[in-house]
C-alpha atoms as a PDB file:
ATOM      1  CA  MET A   1    -185.443 100.180 -13.402  1.00  0.00           C
ATOM      2  CA  THR A   2    -182.680 102.620 -14.327  1.00  0.00           C
ATOM      3  CA  VAL A   3    -181.864 105.686 -12.262  1.00  0.00           C
ATOM      4  CA  LEU A   4    -183.348 107.905 -14.976  1.00  0.00           C
ATOM      5  CA  GLN A   5    -186.578 105.895 -14.991  1.00  0.00           C
ATOM      6  CA  GLN A   6    -186.757 106.196 -11.201  1.00  0.00           C
ATOM      7  CA  MET A   7    -186.279 109.966 -11.414  1.00  0.00           C
ATOM      8  CA  VAL A   8    -188.990 110.323 -14.037  1.00  0.00           C
ATOM      9  CA  ALA A   9    -191.365 108.100 -12.068  1.00  0.00           C
ATOM     10  CA  LYS A  10    -190.771 110.172  -8.916  1.00  0.00           C
ATOM     11  CA  THR A  11    -191.392 113.432 -10.785  1.00  0.00           C
ATOM     12  CA  VAL A  12    -194.606 112.072 -12.335  1.00  0.00           C
ATOM     13  CA  ALA A  13    -195.741 110.903  -8.899  1.00  0.00           C
ATOM     14  CA  VAL A  14    -195.051 114.335  -7.346  1.00  0.00           C
ATOM     15  CA  LEU A  15    -196.841 116.246 -10.103  1.00  0.00           C
ATOM     16  CA  THR A  16    -199.790 113.852  -9.987  1.00  0.00           C
ATOM     17  CA  ALA A  17    -200.051 114.016  -6.194  1.00  0.00           C
ATOM     18  CA  LYS A  18    -200.043 117.826  -6.349  1.00  0.00           C
ATOM     19  CA  GLY A  19    -202.868 117.794  -8.894  1.00  0.00           C
ATOM     20  CA  VAL A  20    -200.906 119.431 -11.699  1.00  0.00           C
ATOM     21  CA  PRO A  21    -202.741 118.846 -14.999  1.00  0.00           C
ATOM     22  CA  ASN A  22    -200.637 116.870 -17.506  1.00  0.00           C
ATOM     23  CA  ASP A  23    -200.676 119.734 -20.008  1.00  0.00           C
ATOM     24  CA  GLN A  24    -198.927 121.972 -17.410  1.00  0.00           C
ATOM     25  CA  TRP A  25    -196.171 119.548 -16.389  1.00  0.00           C
ATOM     26  CA  GLU A  26    -193.577 120.897 -18.807  1.00  0.00           C
ATOM     27  CA  THR A  27    -194.159 124.545 -17.870  1.00  0.00           C
ATOM     28  CA  VAL A  28    -194.080 123.763 -14.148  1.00  0.00           C
ATOM     29  CA  LEU A  29    -190.870 121.744 -14.547  1.00  0.00           C
ATOM     30  CA  ILE A  30    -189.179 124.442 -16.629  1.00  0.00           C
ATOM     31  CA  LYS A  31    -189.971 127.150 -14.055  1.00  0.00           C
ATOM     32  CA  ALA A  32    -189.035 124.869 -11.143  1.00  0.00           C
ATOM     33  CA  SER A  33    -185.738 123.963 -12.811  1.00  0.00           C
ATOM     34  CA  LEU A  34    -184.797 127.650 -13.036  1.00  0.00           C
ATOM     35  CA  ILE A  35    -185.520 128.057  -9.339  1.00  0.00           C
ATOM     36  CA  GLU A  36    -183.636 124.855  -8.521  1.00  0.00           C
ATOM     37  CA  ARG A  37    -180.479 126.204 -10.157  1.00  0.00           C
ATOM     38  CA  GLU A  38    -180.791 129.706  -8.667  1.00  0.00           C
ATOM     39  CA  ALA A  39    -181.977 129.225  -5.076  1.00  0.00           C
ATOM     40  CA  LYS A  40    -179.666 128.292  -2.251  1.00  0.00           C
ATOM     41  CA  ARG A  41    -182.256 128.833   0.494  1.00  0.00           C
ATOM     42  CA  ASP A  42    -185.704 127.263   0.528  1.00  0.00           C
ATOM     43  CA  GLU A  43    -187.361 130.437   1.788  1.00  0.00           C
ATOM     44  CA  ASP A  44    -186.285 132.247  -1.402  1.00  0.00           C
ATOM     45  CA  ARG A  45    -187.928 129.774  -3.784  1.00  0.00           C
ATOM     46  CA  PRO A  46    -191.527 131.129  -3.615  1.00  0.00           C
ATOM     47  CA  MET A  47    -190.220 134.681  -4.055  1.00  0.00           C
ATOM     48  CA  MET A  48    -188.190 133.631  -7.099  1.00  0.00           C
ATOM     49  CA  ALA A  49    -191.300 131.955  -8.500  1.00  0.00           C
ATOM     50  CA  ARG A  50    -193.147 135.265  -8.061  1.00  0.00           C
ATOM     51  CA  VAL A  51    -190.379 137.179  -9.864  1.00  0.00           C
ATOM     52  CA  ILE A  52    -190.618 134.737 -12.774  1.00  0.00           C
ATOM     53  CA  GLU A  53    -194.404 135.177 -12.958  1.00  0.00           C
ATOM     54  CA  ASN A  54    -194.174 138.975 -12.662  1.00  0.00           C
ATOM     55  CA  ARG A  55    -191.571 139.213 -15.420  1.00  0.00           C
ATOM     56  CA  LEU A  56    -193.479 136.842 -17.708  1.00  0.00           C
ATOM     57  CA  ASP A  57    -196.645 138.897 -17.138  1.00  0.00           C
ATOM     58  CA  LYS A  58    -194.755 142.055 -18.173  1.00  0.00           C
ATOM     59  CA  GLU A  59    -193.130 140.284 -21.164  1.00  0.00           C
ATOM     60  CA  MET A  60    -189.694 141.034 -19.727  1.00  0.00           C
ATOM     61  CA  THR A  61    -186.683 138.817 -20.181  1.00  0.00           C
ATOM     62  CA  LEU A  62    -186.155 136.582 -17.147  1.00  0.00           C
ATOM     63  CA  GLY A  63    -182.451 137.429 -16.941  1.00  0.00           C
ATOM     64  CA  ILE A  64    -181.523 134.083 -15.362  1.00  0.00           C
ATOM     65  CA  ASP A  65    -177.829 133.415 -15.911  1.00  0.00           C
ATOM     66  CA  ALA A  66    -178.087 129.736 -14.928  1.00  0.00           C
ATOM     67  CA  ALA A  67    -180.147 129.177 -18.080  1.00  0.00           C
ATOM     68  CA  VAL A  68    -177.671 131.080 -20.241  1.00  0.00           C
ATOM     69  CA  ALA A  69    -174.843 128.927 -18.879  1.00  0.00           C
ATOM     70  CA  TYR A  70    -176.848 125.727 -19.408  1.00  0.00           C
ATOM     71  CA  GLY A  71    -177.511 126.605 -23.039  1.00  0.00           C
ATOM     72  CA  ALA A  72    -173.890 127.581 -23.611  1.00  0.00           C
ATOM     73  CA  GLY A  73    -172.644 124.386 -21.976  1.00  0.00           C
ATOM     74  CA  VAL A  74    -170.484 126.228 -19.461  1.00  0.00           C
ATOM     75  CA  SER A  75    -170.392 126.822 -15.728  1.00  0.00           C
ATOM     76  CA  GLY A  76    -172.080 129.993 -14.512  1.00  0.00           C
ATOM     77  CA  THR A  77    -168.678 131.277 -13.461  1.00  0.00           C
ATOM     78  CA  ASP A  78    -167.479 130.928 -17.068  1.00  0.00           C
ATOM     79  CA  LEU A  79    -170.101 133.252 -18.555  1.00  0.00           C
ATOM     80  CA  ASN A  80    -168.707 136.205 -20.456  1.00  0.00           C
ATOM     81  CA  ASN A  81    -170.176 139.093 -22.437  1.00  0.00           C
ATOM     82  CA  ASP A  82    -170.129 137.156 -25.709  1.00  0.00           C
ATOM     83  CA  LEU A  83    -172.159 134.321 -24.175  1.00  0.00           C
ATOM     84  CA  LEU A  84    -174.520 136.726 -22.398  1.00  0.00           C
ATOM     85  CA  ASN A  85    -175.237 138.475 -25.705  1.00  0.00           C
ATOM     86  CA  ASP A  86    -175.570 135.340 -27.860  1.00  0.00           C
ATOM     87  CA  THR A  87    -179.144 135.344 -29.145  1.00  0.00           C
ATOM     88  CA  SER A  88    -178.589 132.040 -30.981  1.00  0.00           C
ATOM     89  CA  ASN A  89    -178.633 130.315 -27.560  1.00  0.00           C
ATOM     90  CA  PRO A  90    -182.340 129.462 -27.002  1.00  0.00           C
ATOM     91  CA  TYR A  91    -181.641 129.441 -23.240  1.00  0.00           C
ATOM     92  CA  ASN A  92    -180.351 133.023 -23.201  1.00  0.00           C
ATOM     93  CA  LEU A  93    -182.906 134.462 -20.803  1.00  0.00           C
ATOM     94  CA  ARG A  94    -180.949 137.714 -20.746  1.00  0.00           C
ATOM     95  CA  LYS A  95    -181.926 138.358 -24.369  1.00  0.00           C
ATOM     96  CA  LEU A  96    -184.983 136.206 -25.135  1.00  0.00           C
ATOM     97  CA  VAL A  97    -188.432 136.750 -23.647  1.00  0.00           C
ATOM     98  CA  GLY A  98    -190.311 133.783 -22.206  1.00  0.00           C
ATOM     99  CA  LEU A  99    -189.288 130.430 -20.827  1.00  0.00           C
ATOM    100  CA  PRO A 100    -186.442 128.312 -22.194  1.00  0.00           C
ATOM    101  CA  PRO A 101    -187.391 125.348 -24.402  1.00  0.00           C
ATOM    102  CA  THR A 102    -186.736 122.705 -21.729  1.00  0.00           C
ATOM    103  CA  PRO A 103    -185.887 122.425 -18.026  1.00  0.00           C
ATOM    104  CA  ILE A 104    -182.265 123.206 -17.178  1.00  0.00           C
ATOM    105  CA  ALA A 105    -182.064 120.897 -14.156  1.00  0.00           C
ATOM    106  CA  MET A 106    -184.027 118.247 -12.306  1.00  0.00           C
ATOM    107  CA  PRO A 107    -186.164 120.295  -9.919  1.00  0.00           C
ATOM    108  CA  GLY A 108    -186.783 119.187  -6.384  1.00  0.00           C
ATOM    109  CA  GLU A 109    -190.171 119.160  -4.729  1.00  0.00           C
ATOM    110  CA  LYS A 110    -189.562 122.479  -2.928  1.00  0.00           C
ATOM    111  CA  SER A 111    -188.957 124.234  -6.250  1.00  0.00           C
ATOM    112  CA  ILE A 112    -192.086 122.632  -7.711  1.00  0.00           C
ATOM    113  CA  ASP A 113    -194.053 123.763  -4.648  1.00  0.00           C
ATOM    114  CA  ALA A 114    -192.756 127.318  -5.141  1.00  0.00           C
ATOM    115  CA  VAL A 115    -194.002 127.381  -8.734  1.00  0.00           C
ATOM    116  CA  LEU A 116    -197.388 126.077  -7.663  1.00  0.00           C
ATOM    117  CA  ALA A 117    -197.692 128.623  -4.826  1.00  0.00           C
ATOM    118  CA  PRO A 118    -195.545 131.705  -5.523  1.00  0.00           C
ATOM    119  CA  ALA A 119    -195.177 134.302  -2.791  1.00  0.00           C
ATOM    120  CA  ASP A 120    -197.232 137.472  -3.006  1.00  0.00           C
ATOM    121  CA  GLY A 121    -195.184 140.456  -4.106  1.00  0.00           C
ATOM    122  CA  ASP A 122    -194.282 142.915  -6.838  1.00  0.00           C
ATOM    123  CA  TRP A 123    -190.608 141.936  -7.143  1.00  0.00           C
ATOM    124  CA  LEU A 124    -188.990 141.964 -10.559  1.00  0.00           C
ATOM    125  CA  PHE A 125    -185.405 141.169  -9.557  1.00  0.00           C
ATOM    126  CA  TRP A 126    -183.332 139.021  -7.261  1.00  0.00           C
ATOM    127  CA  CYS A 127    -179.656 139.052  -6.489  1.00  0.00           C
ATOM    128  CA  THR A 128    -177.661 136.734  -4.272  1.00  0.00           C
ATOM    129  CA  VAL A 129    -175.643 139.193  -2.212  1.00  0.00           C
ATOM    130  CA  ASN A 130    -173.636 136.606  -0.257  1.00  0.00           C
ATOM    131  CA  PRO A 131    -172.696 133.491  -2.251  1.00  0.00           C
ATOM    132  CA  ASP A 132    -171.416 131.754   0.913  1.00  0.00           C
ATOM    133  CA  THR A 133    -174.699 131.949   2.809  1.00  0.00           C
ATOM    134  CA  GLY A 134    -176.982 132.216  -0.206  1.00  0.00           C
ATOM    135  CA  GLU A 135    -178.516 135.416   1.138  1.00  0.00           C
ATOM    136  CA  THR A 136    -180.672 136.754  -1.666  1.00  0.00           C
ATOM    137  CA  LYS A 137    -182.366 140.137  -1.875  1.00  0.00           C
ATOM    138  CA  PHE A 138    -185.438 140.925  -3.919  1.00  0.00           C
ATOM    139  CA  ALA A 139    -186.255 144.256  -5.547  1.00  0.00           C
ATOM    140  CA  MET A 140    -189.186 145.925  -7.252  1.00  0.00           C
ATOM    141  CA  THR A 141    -187.193 148.578  -9.115  1.00  0.00           C
ATOM    142  CA  LEU A 142    -184.026 148.589 -11.164  1.00  0.00           C
ATOM    143  CA  ASP A 143    -182.476 151.108  -8.758  1.00  0.00           C
ATOM    144  CA  GLU A 144    -183.085 148.759  -5.804  1.00  0.00           C
ATOM    145  CA  HIS A 145    -181.637 145.886  -7.837  1.00  0.00           C
ATOM    146  CA  LYS A 146    -178.547 147.954  -8.641  1.00  0.00           C
ATOM    147  CA  GLN A 147    -178.048 148.543  -4.891  1.00  0.00           C
ATOM    148  CA  ASN A 148    -178.268 144.781  -4.301  1.00  0.00           C
ATOM    149  CA  LYS A 149    -175.827 144.146  -7.150  1.00  0.00           C
ATOM    150  CA  ALA A 150    -173.432 146.677  -5.575  1.00  0.00           C
ATOM    151  CA  GLU A 151    -173.682 144.696  -2.333  1.00  0.00           C
ATOM    152  CA  LEU A 152    -172.745 141.528  -4.233  1.00  0.00           C
ATOM    153  CA  ASP A 153    -169.852 143.334  -5.958  1.00  0.00           C
ATOM    154  CA  ALA A 154    -168.596 144.495  -2.533  1.00  0.00           C
ATOM    155  CA  TRP A 155    -168.828 140.927  -1.216  1.00  0.00           C
ATOM    156  CA  ILE A 156    -166.841 139.668  -4.222  1.00  0.00           C
ATOM    157  CA  ALA A 157    -164.196 142.364  -3.717  1.00  0.00           C
ATOM    158  CA  ALA A 158    -163.877 141.516  -0.030  1.00  0.00           C
ATOM    159  CA  ASN A 159    -163.863 137.737  -0.486  1.00  0.00           C
ATOM    160  CA  GLY A 160    -162.026 137.314  -3.771  1.00  0.00           C
ATOM    161  CA  GLY A 161    -164.883 135.294  -5.219  1.00  0.00           C
END
């Protein structure tokens, strides 16, 4: 059995064991893959899953840069305004409403669990404010999110990252 076959078999086993209906596998894996690429800390995963659900419910863009980078074939650190505004990229979750067409990564079980049991909350945004530790803050309003983004910008200025 190849490594890819082993990975697929493991994923099928996890989804089956968790009772996920076959017709929901793709959606669960897409959402979990977004969380897998965004979360550095396990405790943030269920909150990220809630943000995704809240934004989908409101028909908002998801705004997940990891998906934009995946679709553009670049590292997240190589994103620029042209790529962030490219609506021909079907993974551009800054511009397109809904989920991307496929997963963007192989999600781990903790990301799958987060999708299956999102945290309770009204958050619409998240921002990693300390890339070293992975500290992520969640916000319900754009103003709160802007404050978190300012905290990230200050961290970047202080750490040259």
